[in-house]
Structures are given as structure tokens and as C-alpha cells.
């Protein structure tokens, strides 16, 4: 017991001595720091972890090349990038920054934290300063290290491959595109390097901006390198303007200052086709492996490959490789053309993969300036019409997000009745309406010529399918009929098994209700729109109904036009306030529908519902007022050729003198009205 007491006593004394020694040690340190003052306090703060990292970073940067210059340049750059600087301040700071970096731009541009300084000179500098920087960076080469054993030649092409340095090249292209001297220097520095740059994960951004910014006459020699080494010999050959520019428009009448296209090369040198295809396929495969499908220049390369490849090559190489990237290719016209060719010649599995990529993007694609062609091609060649309806048409039965937000304020019941049709925006658009026109008009139906046309012209029109009048030549070249491939040597096999008419009839069933609804619900908007009027005429041709004709006639009523004028009061579109008979598009729509009905040879005793009968029953008392306008007279002249022509003639007998005055130019304006002249001739006929 005594021993244990002694042990605890010794333990307490030892702990007390330790605490006192620590206290003395702490007190001594504290008194020492207190005696040294604030100077030592700062020395202690410098040993904190954050300051240690800063010191280590500064020590590491001090060993870099041109460290003092970079430090000063970064300070100037921080002042230069302030958005509130005036022009005088910017010029002064930029001149100071350029003086610091003169002769050191290449080494500084390769540093990740100093590359922005060179970019600042290119962005804010004068034309002379930019040209000096471009001249220095486009020099033949310099050494990136002082060690002669590890000496490495750095040029502009190598600068494009560095993650941070390539931003300098992007700024060069962006801000020096108008300086022809700088453009020539940049293009010269990148020659013989395009094959490597085009498939590099970083340098591909430079190639994209280069082809998009510089004129084609400078970039054409660079593009020839992508076709193979043998095409570099043609860079100095005679210029041959391409048939289409990058946007697909005709190049007729422009100066021939660009290199020949790949298709023209192969046409003149067919023996080089196989070597070119092998080179292009290897290049494109590397680009696909690095996910370069989103770049426009890559779309152009794919288009060049399609232009010289056979349908079998497209089916075996391109279609399987691009099936999952269809959505990325639809951003450009060249990419859309490639997708259309892959859809035309691809297998059933490839087509299914492509259409699944477009699920949820049917509406936006139809409203796009180029992507709509891929939707048309899918509807034109896919045999699985149920899948087309599921992946594409189901989306069209739902209102867009903007329309649903507008109609979300009211009740659901009223919203369904008063809300706009889900396809109204598509019918009124120039591109979206092409889908409905493609499905509404049969490809087997030929155009009918007018009696007033020449015999040669009428014969040419009679041999042309009617659906083609709604599409321009480029669209017709994309939607070429009956794509076939060669299998087992000489067997020509179509890529689609269904007949065109069968496929069209199966697809249009899914959109029939929507088309009739939009024409009945928004008749006036469609009458005043060029794309909408085309759809309206074809719906009247394919699905005539009394409800549809009543909606069109009600839209022509003056009361309806006055109500819409009050709603649109203060608007900029004054043509919407005019009656349909006076509208530039509306009167032509009515005229064409009446002429279409006149060719059906309807008997007067037939009780079938037609627009002519509905129109006459509504306006039989006001036909004289309609005939007093030029455009209204054209409408009535077409109405007189229908089954109610005799009734119209009798109703206009009392107004024949007034019509004759307007036709001979004896009205208030003393101007001869051509429409009244034609109407007068029809009235004078027996």
C-alpha cells in the first residue's frame, strides 16, 4: 500500500515537472517572439502551407525560360483584359506587352500560363503588331530547349498540337483573317502537315477554324493534302470552280480561284480512285476513333468520300461506321448529304440505328436548314413504316415546348380546343412542309399542263412527276429514286423492298388527322403563307371535306379579316390585314384550288362538296365587289371554270359594265387591270 502511494506521488511529481518544463519552454518561445516583434511574426506566417505552395511555385517558375519577362507580361495582361479600358489605355498596354514579348513569342506561347499574353497581343494589337507576331510564329523553326542533345524543332504545326499553345493559333486565324499577308504565312507554315493535324485531338480545332475562316482560294491546297500525297502536285494546276460551295449552293458566275474538287480529279484520273479511297478510309477511320464527327471539315471529307465511292463502299464502310453519329452530321449540308446516302444504301440494321439516333429530334431537324433532308430520306426509303411512326411521327403529335408553355395557363379541356395545332410551325416553315408534301403527293402522278403554255413546254411538264415541283434540284438529287447495289457479281438489288406508293400510303395515314386538323383550324394562316398554302392545296386534293371547305371560306369572309386586324393592331405585317382576295399568296391559293377542281370534270348535278360550291353559296351576293379588284378578278376567273361557272356568270351580268371599265383602264386609277380583262373575256364567251 505504501509502495503504491509512493508510485502515485512520484507520477504526480513527474507530470508536474513535465508540465512546468513545457510551460517554461512555451513561455520562453513566446517571450522570444514577443521580443523580436512583428518582423518575426511575418516570418512565421510565411511558413504556412499556402505560402509554402506559393513559394514553391514561384521557385519552379523562376527556372523557366524568360521567367522575368513572363512575370511582367502577365501583370500587363491582367490590366489589358479589363473591359472598361479605353482605346488609348489598350494601345499603350498592348505596345508595352508586345515590346516585352518581341523575339520570345514562340517560347512564351508554349507555356500554359503565359500563352494568354501572346493571345492578348493578337487580340488587342494593331495590324503591324499582329503581323510581327505572326511572322515570328510562322518562322521555319526554333529550338524549344537549350540542351543541344535534346534540341527540338518547334514550328507552327507543332504549336497547333499543344493544349494551351493552340489557342494562340486560333487567335491568329480569327484576328488575322483579313490580312492577306498573314493568311499566306499561316497557310505556308501548315503545308505538308494537314494529314497529321486533321486527325489530332487538339489540332483538329485549328483545322476547323482555318477552313471556316480563310477564303477557299488559300485553303484549297491544304485540303488537297487530305486526299493523299499524290494530290499535292495539283496545287499549282489550273483552277476549276467547284459545282457547289460548302453550303451546297450553285457556284455559277463566280471567279474560278479554287482548286478542282475530288470528283473532278477522279473523273480525269480514274486510275487513282482506289488509292484515294484507301487513303481517305484510313484517315476517316482515325478521325472516327478520336470522335471528330462534330467538325464541319470532317463532314466535308466524308462528303468527298461519298462523291467518289460506289454504293457498295458506302454500304460496307460508311453506313456501319456513321450509324450512331447521324445526329452530329446533320449540322451541315455536307454531313446531311452523307447521312442521306448512308440511309439510301445502308442495311436494315444500319437504318434502324440511324433513326433511333434521331428519336426526339424530328421537329428540330425538320425546322433545320439542312437536317430536314435526312428525315425526308428516311421516310422515302425505310420499309419499316411502323418504326418511322414510332421514332419520328409520334413526336409530331405533341406540341412544342414553347406552345405548351403558352397554353399551360388555362384548363386542359379548353387548351385542347383553343391551342394551336402541333404541326402548325412545321406546315408554315419552308423545310418542315416538305415532309407533308412528300407524303401527300404520289410519285406516280404526273403534272398536267395548261392550255396557254407552249407545246414543247407542256410536253416537258407532262413527263415530270408532280411531286418534283415542290423540291429544288439539290433536294431532288438527294431524294433520287430506287437506290440499288450490286451483289454477287452482277445482280442489281434495290435497297428497299416496298413500292414507293405503298410506303407513302402507309406513312400518310399516321399524319392524316393532323393535316386535316391544321388546315381546318388555321386556314387563314395557311392561306397567307407560301409553304402553308402548298400543304393546304394538297390536303384539299387528297382529303376533301365539307368542314375543310367551310373553314377556308370563313377565312375569306371580310368579318373574319376585320377581327384579325383588330387582334394584330400595331403589328408590322400590314399584309395580314388585307382580305384573302387581295393577299399576294391567298388569292393564288384559291385560284389554284379552283383550277384543280375544274380538271375533275364535276357535273353540275353532283351533290358532292367542293370548295367552289361552298364559296359561291357564301359570296354569291358580293361577287361584284370581289370582281372590282385585280386579284379578286383572277379568283373569279378560276371560279368560272368550275362546276358553278354558269351561276357565277349570271351573278356578274349586272356588273359587266363596271368590269369592262376597269379592264380598259377607265377607273379611278386609270390603270388597266389584267384580272378584270381575263374575267371579261370569260363573261363574253357563250
Foldseek 3Di string as FASTA:
>chain_A
DVVVVVVVVVVVVVVVVVVVVVVVVVVVVVVVDVVVPVVVVVVVVCPDPVNVVVVVVLVVLVPAPPSVLLVVLVVLVVVLPDPPDDLVSNAVSLVVLLVSCQPPLVQQLLDQVRVVSLLSNLVRPDPVSLVSSLCNQLPPFDFNDPDPVPTDTDHNLNLQQRQRSVVSLVSNLVRCQVPVVSLLSVLVSCPPPLLVLCLRLRSVVSVLSNVVRHDQLSCQLVLLVQQDPVSNVCNPPDFDDEQADQQRDGPPPDDRRHHYALLVVCVVVVVCLVVSLVSLLVSLVSNLVSPVLLGSVSLVSLLSNVSSDDLVCLAPRVLVSCLQVLVSQQQGQSSLLSLLSSCQSYALVSLLSNLQNCAPPQVVLQQDPHSLLNLLSSLQFHPPLVSNCVRHVVVLQDADPVQCVVLVPDDPVVCVVPGAQSCPVLLQHLRSLLNLLLLLFDQVAADADDPPDDPVVRVVRRPHGPSCVSDDPVSCVSSDPFDWDAPPPRDTGTNHDDDRNVSSVVNVVSCLVSLLVNLLVVVLVLLQGPSSLVSNLSNCVRPNDPSNLLSNLVLQDLVVLVVVCVVCPPPPPPLSSDGLLPRPRNLVSLLVSLLVQLVVPDALPDPDDGSLVVNCVVCLPPLLVLLLDLSSLSNLLSSLSHNCVVSSLVSCPVNLVVLVCQQCQNDPRSDHRPSSVSSNVVSPDD
